[in-house]
Every structure is written in C-alpha cells, then in structure tokens.
Amino acid sequence: MSEESDPPAASPAAEAVAAGSPGDQLYGRINGIALPDLGRVREALAGGGPRRRRRIESSLPPRSHVLPVPNGWYAIVASDELAAGDLVSIRLVDRELVVARDEFGRASVLDAHCPHMGAHLGGGRVIGERVKCPYHGWEFGADGRCVRIPYSDSRIPSRARVRSYPVHEADGLVYFWYHAADAPPNFEIPAVPEASDPSWSEAYPWRFELVAALQEMAENNVDYAHFRYVHGKDVIPRDISAFHFDGPCSWVEESLGDGVSFTRHSYGPGVAILRFPSLMTIVAATTPIDRGNCRLLWHFYFPRELEAAAEDLIVQVTGPYGLQADVPIWRDLSYRERPVLVKGDGPIAEFRRWYAQFYEGNGSRDRPGHPDGPPEESA
C-alpha cells in the first residue's frame, strides 16, 4: 500500500473498542437490560487476530471490610467467553487470578504471579496444556507446578509452583473452588435441567458489579422486613416464608403475593438457583472481587412461550424495584457484628450461624454467628 493510500475503514472490532473498553463491555455497570453483544466483544478482544490473552477489569475501587472472603465455589467466566488457547486475567476473592483453556478444552485457574520473579502470568500465553510466563518462559501445568524451564537443564525446584484451584464447568459457567486454608471442595453444584431442556430458552446473561460484602447480600434472603421498605411490598412476608439448611446448602421458600412464589437453593455462598415456577429460573453466581465488592454473573432461563417477555422479567428482578433498590443500601452499609434484632426481623441470627461455616480457616472464630463466637443481641 502506498503512503498516499486512504486508510482502511474501521472494522466492527475497532468500532466496538472505540465505544468503550472490552472489559467495560463485558463487566461494566449495566442499566436495565442493555446486555452486551458478546460476539462483538470477543472480536474486539481478539484485535483482529488469534485470541491469546485479555484482562477483565473491575470498575469498582477496593473497599476494606470487616467480613473475610468466604469459602466456596465461584463463577469466574462464562464458558463461551473462554475459547481454547485463551488466557484471561481477573481479580476475584481478593486475589489476582488467571483462567486458561488448554488445547483440549479444559479450563484451569491459577494464581497470577510467577514464583520465579513475580511476573503476571496473564501477560503470557497458553502452550498446549500449559501456561507460559511472559518474563522467562517458565511453563506451568493445570496443577500449578512448573513443568519446564526452557533455558535450564537443572532440576525444577519443588517451590516452583503457583496455587491452583479446583475447577467445575457446567451449564455455561466456569466455576473455581476457593478456600482460605486451601482445603478441597466439600460440596458440589448440581446441574440445572433447564439449561439443557429444549422447552426452555438459552441463557440470558446479566452482569453487574456492586459495593457489598457477599454475606450482606445473602442476608437479604431472610431479612423479611426490608421487602416492604426497600422493595415496596404491601406486607412483610414473615408468615409465608421459611429458611432451611443442611450442611453447606440452604433453601428459602417464599410467597410474593398474587399467586407468585419462588424457591432459592443456595450452594455455599457463591451459587444460588432461584425458581419462579412456570416463569423463570435464575442461576445467580455471585463472586467477591474482594472483601467489600462483588461481581454478578447471572444466567436467566425462560419457558420458550415466555421468551418474548424475557427482558421485562429480567428488569423485574434486577431493576429499580428489585436488586437495584438494594444497591445503595449495601453501598453505605456499616456491618454490625452484634445487631439489635427484634421479633419480625426474620431468622437473621440463624442464618449467620449457618453462614459462619464458610469462614473456616481465616481466623474468624470470634465473629458473631460462629458457633463458638459471641451471640447476636436481641430485644
């Protein structure tokens, strides 16, 4: 091409990047139902060439908080955002992480910094089944062990490894297991039949970031009084709701009035499946960015005959009378370890005692709610 030639027209990928950063399009704040065009985002991330690596940035400033990051399964990316050979950098559970998919389609999650000289592995690339450090070419397997140092024939040191995390991929989401003491998983996430049922829609993804500790969000499910004052319900549903638990799993049954009811089954602190019978099913995967901020990656499913109303139904759950009404409460909340509870508040103390199991291994025995900790106050 000569110097006098006109510059080529901007590609759709370039236009997508110009409109905003790829990270913002993937995980920025979403108003109402403006869902991202993942095809354009993927093209933009690829930069017109082979997909190698990318970073998912948080739009929220770090916030310190009294509550630790709880142990559990957490969603890190959607399956269709991670192609073979991809390497994604992301900050979650108060750590820098990378998630990779090898040439055989298997996903792995590792701490992001190389034990050699501290380089960020997210700047590297996937080679076969390994992640290659960009600084000196050290290669790490899915278990975090260094398996090759290209310029040295000496024995690979036993300390040449990064922390790896168990991975579970199902129903369009890639999950990883986090435990403060690096203990193995002690429960599973069940399959969601709606995700593979042809009478139900494909997943409608919804993403959001907000200022809140994960436990603060979860307590909403048993805080019956707030439904009237935050969400505009006519009555407080304390007489038509119930909280149950069994080990790391819990479930809430609730009537919303006008013949509408739902169940919420929680599997640890980070995954919940909400079902509104014959209306919609939500896989609510909520992951702490750090102690005081969370990232939501939710998948909505609808019966085929109701799919035309999908966007309106998503707004009902996430809009100004749903989750968005809670957002400013969580943002400004000052967590009370010894709340003054009264009759009618719901089983908040019982919920905290159940939730305390997810802080094992992080020195939280003295927190109220722990079986051996101080009790909550009541009046």
Protein backbone atom coordinates (compact mmCIF):
# COMPACT_ATOMS: atom_id res chain seq x y z
CA MET A 1 0.00 0.00 0.00
CA SER A 2 1.43 3.40 -0.93
CA GLU A 3 1.78 6.24 1.52
CA GLU A 4 -0.94 8.14 -0.39
CA SER A 5 -3.50 5.33 0.00
CA ASP A 6 -6.58 6.02 2.06
CA PRO A 7 -6.58 4.36 5.49
CA PRO A 8 -8.73 1.22 5.69
CA ALA A 9 -12.25 1.56 7.04
CA ALA A 10 -12.67 0.82 10.74
CA SER A 11 -13.64 -2.77 11.41
CA PRO A 12 -16.57 -3.69 13.67
CA ALA A 13 -13.99 -4.72 16.24
CA ALA A 14 -12.32 -1.32 16.15
CA GLU A 15 -15.68 0.39 16.45
CA ALA A 16 -16.53 -1.77 19.47
CA VAL A 17 -13.26 -0.83 21.15
CA ALA A 18 -13.77 2.85 20.37
CA ALA A 19 -17.17 2.74 22.03
CA GLY A 20 -15.65 1.58 25.31
CA SER A 21 -13.05 -0.77 26.67
CA PRO A 22 -13.72 -4.51 26.15
CA GLY A 23 -13.55 -5.02 29.89
CA ASP A 24 -16.28 -2.42 30.42
CA GLN A 25 -18.46 -4.07 27.76
CA LEU A 26 -18.07 -7.42 29.47
CA TYR A 27 -18.41 -6.45 33.10
CA GLY A 28 -19.29 -2.76 33.33
CA ARG A 29 -22.33 -1.49 35.14
CA ILE A 30 -25.49 -2.42 33.25
CA ASN A 31 -28.56 -0.23 33.39
CA GLY A 32 -31.79 -2.11 32.98
CA ILE A 33 -31.39 -4.79 30.32
CA ALA A 34 -28.71 -3.41 27.99
CA LEU A 35 -26.91 -6.72 27.54
CA PRO A 36 -23.50 -6.77 25.80
CA ASP A 37 -23.05 -8.15 22.29
CA LEU A 38 -20.60 -10.89 23.24
CA GLY A 39 -19.75 -11.62 19.62
CA ARG A 40 -18.53 -8.07 19.03
CA VAL A 41 -16.72 -8.03 22.34
CA ARG A 42 -14.90 -11.27 21.54
CA GLU A 43 -13.91 -9.88 18.15
CA ALA A 44 -12.68 -6.68 19.77
CA LEU A 45 -10.70 -8.61 22.35
CA ALA A 46 -9.05 -10.64 19.61
CA GLY A 47 -7.88 -7.45 17.92
CA GLY A 48 -8.45 -8.99 14.52
CA GLY A 49 -6.01 -11.85 15.17
CA PRO A 50 -5.81 -15.08 17.17
CA ARG A 51 -7.21 -14.84 20.68
CA ARG A 52 -4.41 -15.05 23.21
CA ARG A 53 -4.99 -13.15 26.40
CA ARG A 54 -7.13 -10.45 27.94
CA ARG A 55 -7.89 -8.82 31.25
CA ILE A 56 -11.26 -8.31 32.88
CA GLU A 57 -11.06 -5.08 34.84
CA SER A 58 -13.21 -4.14 37.80
CA SER A 59 -14.84 -0.71 37.68
CA LEU A 60 -15.07 -0.55 41.48
CA PRO A 61 -12.43 0.84 43.85
CA PRO A 62 -11.14 -1.58 46.50
CA ARG A 63 -13.08 -1.37 49.76
CA SER A 64 -11.88 -2.75 53.06
CA HIS A 65 -14.45 -4.64 55.10
CA VAL A 66 -14.70 -6.47 58.39
CA LEU A 67 -16.01 -9.67 56.80
CA PRO A 68 -13.49 -12.03 55.19
CA VAL A 69 -13.96 -13.62 51.78
CA PRO A 70 -15.99 -16.80 52.44
CA ASN A 71 -15.03 -20.25 51.14
CA GLY A 72 -16.98 -21.78 48.28
CA TRP A 73 -17.50 -22.34 44.58
CA TYR A 74 -17.47 -19.16 42.48
CA ALA A 75 -18.07 -18.38 38.82
CA ILE A 76 -15.04 -16.84 37.12
CA VAL A 77 -16.21 -16.52 33.47
CA ALA A 78 -18.95 -17.78 31.22
CA SER A 79 -17.94 -20.81 29.17
CA ASP A 80 -18.45 -19.06 25.84
CA GLU A 81 -16.01 -16.33 26.88
CA LEU A 82 -13.14 -18.79 27.14
CA ALA A 83 -12.08 -20.41 23.86
CA ALA A 84 -9.27 -22.93 23.51
CA GLY A 85 -5.96 -21.11 23.91
CA ASP A 86 -7.46 -18.20 25.83
CA LEU A 87 -5.79 -16.75 28.92
CA VAL A 88 -7.85 -14.32 30.99
CA SER A 89 -6.66 -12.18 33.92
CA ILE A 90 -9.18 -11.26 36.59
CA ARG A 91 -9.23 -10.11 40.20
CA LEU A 92 -11.58 -12.14 42.39
CA VAL A 93 -11.64 -13.42 46.01
CA ASP A 94 -9.14 -10.65 46.84
CA ARG A 95 -6.51 -12.28 44.60
CA GLU A 96 -5.06 -11.81 41.14
CA LEU A 97 -6.01 -14.88 39.08
CA VAL A 98 -5.70 -16.23 35.56
CA VAL A 99 -8.10 -18.65 33.92
CA ALA A 100 -6.95 -20.60 30.87
CA ARG A 101 -8.43 -23.12 28.46
CA ASP A 102 -5.96 -25.61 27.01
CA GLU A 103 -5.96 -27.13 23.53
CA PHE A 104 -8.16 -29.99 24.77
CA GLY A 105 -10.83 -27.62 26.06
CA ARG A 106 -10.08 -28.00 29.76
CA ALA A 107 -10.21 -24.90 31.96
CA SER A 108 -7.76 -24.19 34.79
CA VAL A 109 -7.46 -21.39 37.36
CA LEU A 110 -4.14 -20.28 38.85
CA ASP A 111 -2.76 -17.50 41.00
CA ALA A 112 -1.47 -14.90 38.61
CA HIS A 113 2.12 -14.25 39.70
CA CYS A 114 5.06 -16.42 38.73
CA PRO A 115 7.06 -17.75 41.73
CA HIS A 116 10.31 -17.13 39.86
CA MET A 117 10.45 -13.31 39.61
CA GLY A 118 6.83 -12.33 40.19
CA ALA A 119 5.73 -11.65 36.63
CA HIS A 120 2.00 -11.68 35.90
CA LEU A 121 1.13 -14.86 34.02
CA GLY A 122 -1.75 -13.09 32.32
CA GLY A 123 0.79 -11.49 30.02
CA GLY A 124 1.88 -14.90 28.81
CA ARG A 125 0.14 -17.45 26.64
CA VAL A 126 -1.30 -20.97 26.60
CA ILE A 127 1.00 -23.58 25.07
CA GLY A 128 -0.76 -26.92 24.71
CA GLU A 129 -1.78 -27.78 28.28
CA ARG A 130 0.48 -25.20 29.94
CA VAL A 131 0.56 -21.51 30.81
CA LYS A 132 3.82 -19.87 29.75
CA CYS A 133 5.20 -16.95 31.77
CA PRO A 134 5.95 -13.87 29.63
CA TYR A 135 9.13 -12.96 31.55
CA HIS A 136 11.40 -16.01 31.37
CA GLY A 137 9.27 -18.64 29.64
CA TRP A 138 8.64 -20.90 32.63
CA GLU A 139 5.69 -23.19 31.92
CA PHE A 140 3.06 -24.25 34.46
CA GLY A 141 0.57 -27.10 34.34
CA ALA A 142 -3.05 -27.01 35.44
CA ASP A 143 -1.98 -28.14 38.93
CA GLY A 144 0.24 -25.07 39.26
CA ARG A 145 3.55 -26.94 39.10
CA CYS A 146 6.32 -25.67 36.87
CA VAL A 147 6.98 -28.38 34.30
CA ARG A 148 9.55 -26.66 32.07
CA ILE A 149 12.27 -24.02 32.36
CA PRO A 150 13.39 -23.59 28.74
CA TYR A 151 16.90 -22.21 29.39
CA SER A 152 17.95 -24.57 32.19
CA ASP A 153 18.51 -28.32 32.43
CA SER A 154 18.75 -28.33 36.23
CA ARG A 155 16.12 -29.96 38.41
CA ILE A 156 12.96 -27.87 38.71
CA PRO A 157 12.68 -26.63 42.33
CA SER A 158 9.78 -28.00 44.34
CA ARG A 159 8.77 -24.44 45.23
CA ALA A 160 8.41 -23.57 41.55
CA ARG A 161 4.65 -23.66 41.60
CA VAL A 162 1.66 -21.35 41.86
CA ARG A 163 -1.55 -22.03 43.71
CA SER A 164 -4.13 -23.79 41.56
CA TYR A 165 -7.86 -24.04 42.20
CA PRO A 166 -10.28 -26.92 41.55
CA VAL A 167 -12.46 -26.16 38.53
CA HIS A 168 -16.01 -27.25 37.75
CA GLU A 169 -17.60 -26.30 34.43
CA ALA A 170 -21.31 -26.82 33.86
CA ASP A 171 -24.34 -25.17 32.30
CA GLY A 172 -22.35 -22.44 30.59
CA LEU A 173 -20.29 -21.30 33.58
CA VAL A 174 -16.72 -21.95 34.70
CA TYR A 175 -16.51 -22.25 38.50
CA PHE A 176 -13.46 -22.43 40.74
CA TRP A 177 -13.16 -23.52 44.37
CA TYR A 178 -11.68 -21.05 46.86
CA HIS A 179 -10.81 -21.94 50.45
CA ALA A 180 -8.78 -19.69 52.75
CA ALA A 181 -6.79 -22.69 54.06
CA ASP A 182 -6.65 -24.37 50.62
CA ALA A 183 -8.88 -27.24 51.75
CA PRO A 184 -10.54 -29.34 48.98
CA PRO A 185 -14.21 -28.92 47.97
CA ASN A 186 -16.72 -30.37 50.41
CA PHE A 187 -19.88 -29.99 48.33
CA GLU A 188 -20.96 -29.96 44.68
CA ILE A 189 -23.00 -27.68 42.46
CA PRO A 190 -25.92 -29.58 40.90
CA ALA A 191 -26.77 -29.48 37.22
CA VAL A 192 -29.55 -27.13 36.13
CA PRO A 193 -32.01 -29.16 34.00
CA GLU A 194 -33.45 -26.03 32.37
CA ALA A 195 -30.06 -25.29 30.75
CA SER A 196 -30.35 -28.37 28.52
CA ASP A 197 -34.14 -28.59 28.18
CA PRO A 198 -35.27 -27.62 24.64
CA SER A 199 -38.53 -26.28 26.04
CA TRP A 200 -36.51 -23.60 27.84
CA SER A 201 -34.59 -20.68 26.35
CA GLU A 202 -30.86 -20.33 26.03
CA ALA A 203 -29.24 -18.48 28.92
CA TYR A 204 -29.76 -14.73 29.08
CA PRO A 205 -26.59 -13.45 30.79
CA TRP A 206 -26.73 -10.50 33.17
CA ARG A 207 -23.61 -8.95 34.69
CA PHE A 208 -23.12 -6.30 37.31
CA GLU A 209 -20.67 -5.05 39.91
CA LEU A 210 -21.62 -3.55 43.25
CA VAL A 211 -20.23 -2.45 46.58
CA ALA A 212 -21.17 -5.07 49.17
CA ALA A 213 -19.71 -7.93 51.13
CA LEU A 214 -21.09 -11.25 49.94
CA GLN A 215 -22.70 -12.05 53.29
CA GLU A 216 -24.51 -8.69 53.31
CA MET A 217 -26.15 -9.58 50.01
CA ALA A 218 -27.08 -13.07 51.19
CA GLU A 219 -28.74 -11.83 54.38
CA ASN A 220 -31.40 -10.16 52.23
CA ASN A 221 -32.92 -13.57 51.62
CA VAL A 222 -34.00 -13.92 55.23
CA ASP A 223 -34.47 -10.23 56.07
CA TYR A 224 -38.21 -10.16 55.59
CA ALA A 225 -38.89 -6.66 56.88
CA HIS A 226 -36.82 -4.96 54.18
CA PHE A 227 -39.12 -6.25 51.42
CA ARG A 228 -41.69 -3.65 52.42
CA TYR A 229 -39.41 -0.68 52.97
CA VAL A 230 -36.92 -1.27 50.15
CA HIS A 231 -38.90 -3.17 47.53
CA GLY A 232 -42.34 -1.68 48.10
CA LYS A 233 -44.16 -4.88 49.06
CA ASP A 234 -47.53 -4.36 50.71
CA VAL A 235 -46.86 -6.80 53.53
CA ILE A 236 -43.88 -8.30 55.31
CA PRO A 237 -43.90 -11.99 54.23
CA ARG A 238 -42.64 -13.43 57.51
CA ASP A 239 -45.59 -15.79 57.87
CA ILE A 240 -45.29 -17.21 54.35
CA SER A 241 -41.53 -17.71 54.16
CA ALA A 242 -39.19 -20.35 55.57
CA PHE A 243 -35.42 -20.81 55.83
CA HIS A 244 -33.93 -24.31 55.81
CA PHE A 245 -30.36 -25.57 55.74
CA ASP A 246 -28.43 -28.81 55.50
CA GLY A 247 -24.65 -28.56 55.78
CA PRO A 248 -23.34 -26.06 53.22
CA CYS A 249 -26.68 -25.90 51.38
CA SER A 250 -29.74 -23.86 52.27
CA TRP A 251 -33.06 -23.02 50.72
CA VAL A 252 -35.72 -20.36 51.12
CA GLU A 253 -39.36 -20.75 50.17
CA GLU A 254 -41.32 -17.57 49.79
CA SER A 255 -44.66 -16.28 48.57
CA LEU A 256 -44.63 -12.88 46.87
CA GLY A 257 -48.40 -12.49 46.82
CA ASP A 258 -50.77 -12.51 43.81
CA GLY A 259 -50.13 -16.22 43.42
CA VAL A 260 -46.39 -15.75 42.73
CA SER A 261 -43.89 -17.76 44.75
CA PHE A 262 -40.29 -18.82 44.42
CA THR A 263 -37.61 -21.02 45.93
CA ARG A 264 -33.95 -20.18 46.31
CA HIS A 265 -31.48 -23.05 46.75
CA SER A 266 -28.00 -21.87 47.76
CA TYR A 267 -24.91 -23.99 47.35
CA GLY A 268 -22.38 -22.32 49.58
CA PRO A 269 -22.08 -18.54 49.49
CA GLY A 270 -21.46 -18.05 45.76
CA VAL A 271 -24.09 -20.02 43.82
CA ALA A 272 -27.88 -19.96 44.08
CA ILE A 273 -30.62 -21.32 41.86
CA LEU A 274 -33.87 -19.37 42.00
CA ARG A 275 -37.03 -20.83 40.51
CA PHE A 276 -40.26 -19.00 39.84
CA PRO A 277 -42.45 -21.93 38.75
CA SER A 278 -43.50 -21.77 35.08
CA LEU A 279 -42.00 -18.28 34.84
CA MET A 280 -38.18 -18.32 35.00
CA THR A 281 -35.11 -19.93 36.55
CA ILE A 282 -32.06 -17.94 37.56
CA VAL A 283 -28.57 -19.28 38.15
CA ALA A 284 -27.26 -16.49 40.38
CA ALA A 285 -23.46 -16.77 40.52
CA THR A 286 -22.09 -14.02 42.76
CA THR A 287 -18.35 -13.76 43.35
CA PRO A 288 -16.46 -11.45 45.73
CA ILE A 289 -13.92 -9.22 43.99
CA ASP A 290 -12.55 -8.55 47.46
CA ARG A 291 -13.99 -8.17 50.95
CA GLY A 292 -16.25 -5.27 50.05
CA ASN A 293 -17.13 -5.62 46.35
CA CYS A 294 -18.91 -8.29 44.32
CA ARG A 295 -19.28 -9.29 40.69
CA LEU A 296 -22.52 -10.86 39.48
CA LEU A 297 -22.69 -13.29 36.57
CA TRP A 298 -26.28 -14.45 36.41
CA HIS A 299 -27.96 -16.65 33.80
CA PHE A 300 -31.72 -16.33 33.27
CA TYR A 301 -33.79 -19.11 31.64
CA PHE A 302 -37.39 -18.81 30.45
CA PRO A 303 -40.00 -21.20 29.07
CA ARG A 304 -39.99 -20.79 25.28
CA GLU A 305 -43.54 -19.45 25.28
CA LEU A 306 -42.49 -16.61 27.64
CA GLU A 307 -39.25 -15.71 25.92
CA ALA A 308 -40.77 -12.60 24.33
CA ALA A 309 -41.15 -11.21 27.85
CA ALA A 310 -37.61 -12.11 28.92
CA GLU A 311 -36.25 -8.56 29.07
CA ASP A 312 -39.19 -7.34 31.12
CA LEU A 313 -38.84 -10.25 33.54
CA ILE A 314 -35.11 -9.57 33.98
CA VAL A 315 -35.94 -5.97 34.88
CA GLN A 316 -38.43 -7.19 37.46
CA VAL A 317 -35.60 -8.99 39.24
CA THR A 318 -32.68 -6.61 38.65
CA GLY A 319 -34.35 -3.23 38.11
CA PRO A 320 -35.38 -0.35 40.38
CA TYR A 321 -37.84 -2.44 42.42
CA GLY A 322 -35.53 -5.45 42.53
CA LEU A 323 -31.79 -5.68 43.08
CA GLN A 324 -31.14 -2.04 42.15
CA ALA A 325 -33.15 -0.94 45.17
CA ASP A 326 -30.71 -2.81 47.43
CA VAL A 327 -27.54 -1.44 45.81
CA PRO A 328 -27.38 1.92 47.67
CA ILE A 329 -28.22 0.17 50.96
CA TRP A 330 -25.28 -2.22 50.59
CA ARG A 331 -23.00 0.58 49.36
CA ASP A 332 -23.43 2.63 52.52
CA LEU A 333 -23.95 -0.21 54.99
CA SER A 334 -21.83 -0.39 58.16
CA TYR A 335 -21.85 -4.05 59.12
CA ARG A 336 -23.00 -4.74 62.69
CA GLU A 337 -21.40 -7.79 64.25
CA ARG A 338 -23.91 -7.62 67.11
CA PRO A 339 -27.13 -6.32 65.54
CA VAL A 340 -30.05 -5.40 67.78
CA LEU A 341 -32.71 -7.79 66.47
CA VAL A 342 -36.42 -7.80 67.27
CA LYS A 343 -39.31 -10.15 66.60
CA GLY A 344 -40.25 -9.82 62.95
CA ASP A 345 -36.71 -9.39 61.62
CA GLY A 346 -36.66 -12.97 60.37
CA PRO A 347 -34.11 -15.70 61.01
CA ILE A 348 -31.05 -13.45 60.57
CA ALA A 349 -29.22 -14.82 63.63
CA GLU A 350 -29.93 -18.39 62.50
CA PHE A 351 -28.69 -17.52 59.01
CA ARG A 352 -25.44 -16.07 60.39
CA ARG A 353 -24.76 -19.17 62.41
CA TRP A 354 -25.20 -21.27 59.27
CA TYR A 355 -23.07 -18.90 57.18
CA ALA A 356 -20.17 -18.92 59.67
CA GLN A 357 -19.01 -22.32 58.34
CA PHE A 358 -17.76 -20.60 55.19
CA TYR A 359 -15.15 -18.63 57.16
CA GLU A 360 -13.25 -21.74 58.24
CA GLY A 361 -9.51 -21.28 58.05
CA ASN A 362 -9.38 -17.49 58.11
CA GLY A 363 -9.24 -16.74 61.84
CA SER A 364 -12.88 -15.71 62.22
CA ARG A 365 -13.81 -17.75 65.31
CA ASP A 366 -14.54 -14.60 67.29
CA ARG A 367 -17.06 -13.28 64.79
CA PRO A 368 -20.69 -13.25 65.96
CA GLY A 369 -22.52 -16.05 64.23
CA HIS A 370 -19.69 -18.53 64.64
CA PRO A 371 -20.85 -21.42 66.87
CA ASP A 372 -18.07 -20.58 69.33
CA GLY A 373 -18.34 -16.81 68.99
CA PRO A 374 -20.41 -14.21 70.87
CA PRO A 375 -24.17 -14.19 70.31
CA GLU A 376 -26.14 -11.52 68.47
CA GLU A 377 -28.19 -9.15 70.59
CA SER A 378 -31.96 -9.34 70.57
CA ALA A 379 -34.77 -7.32 72.02
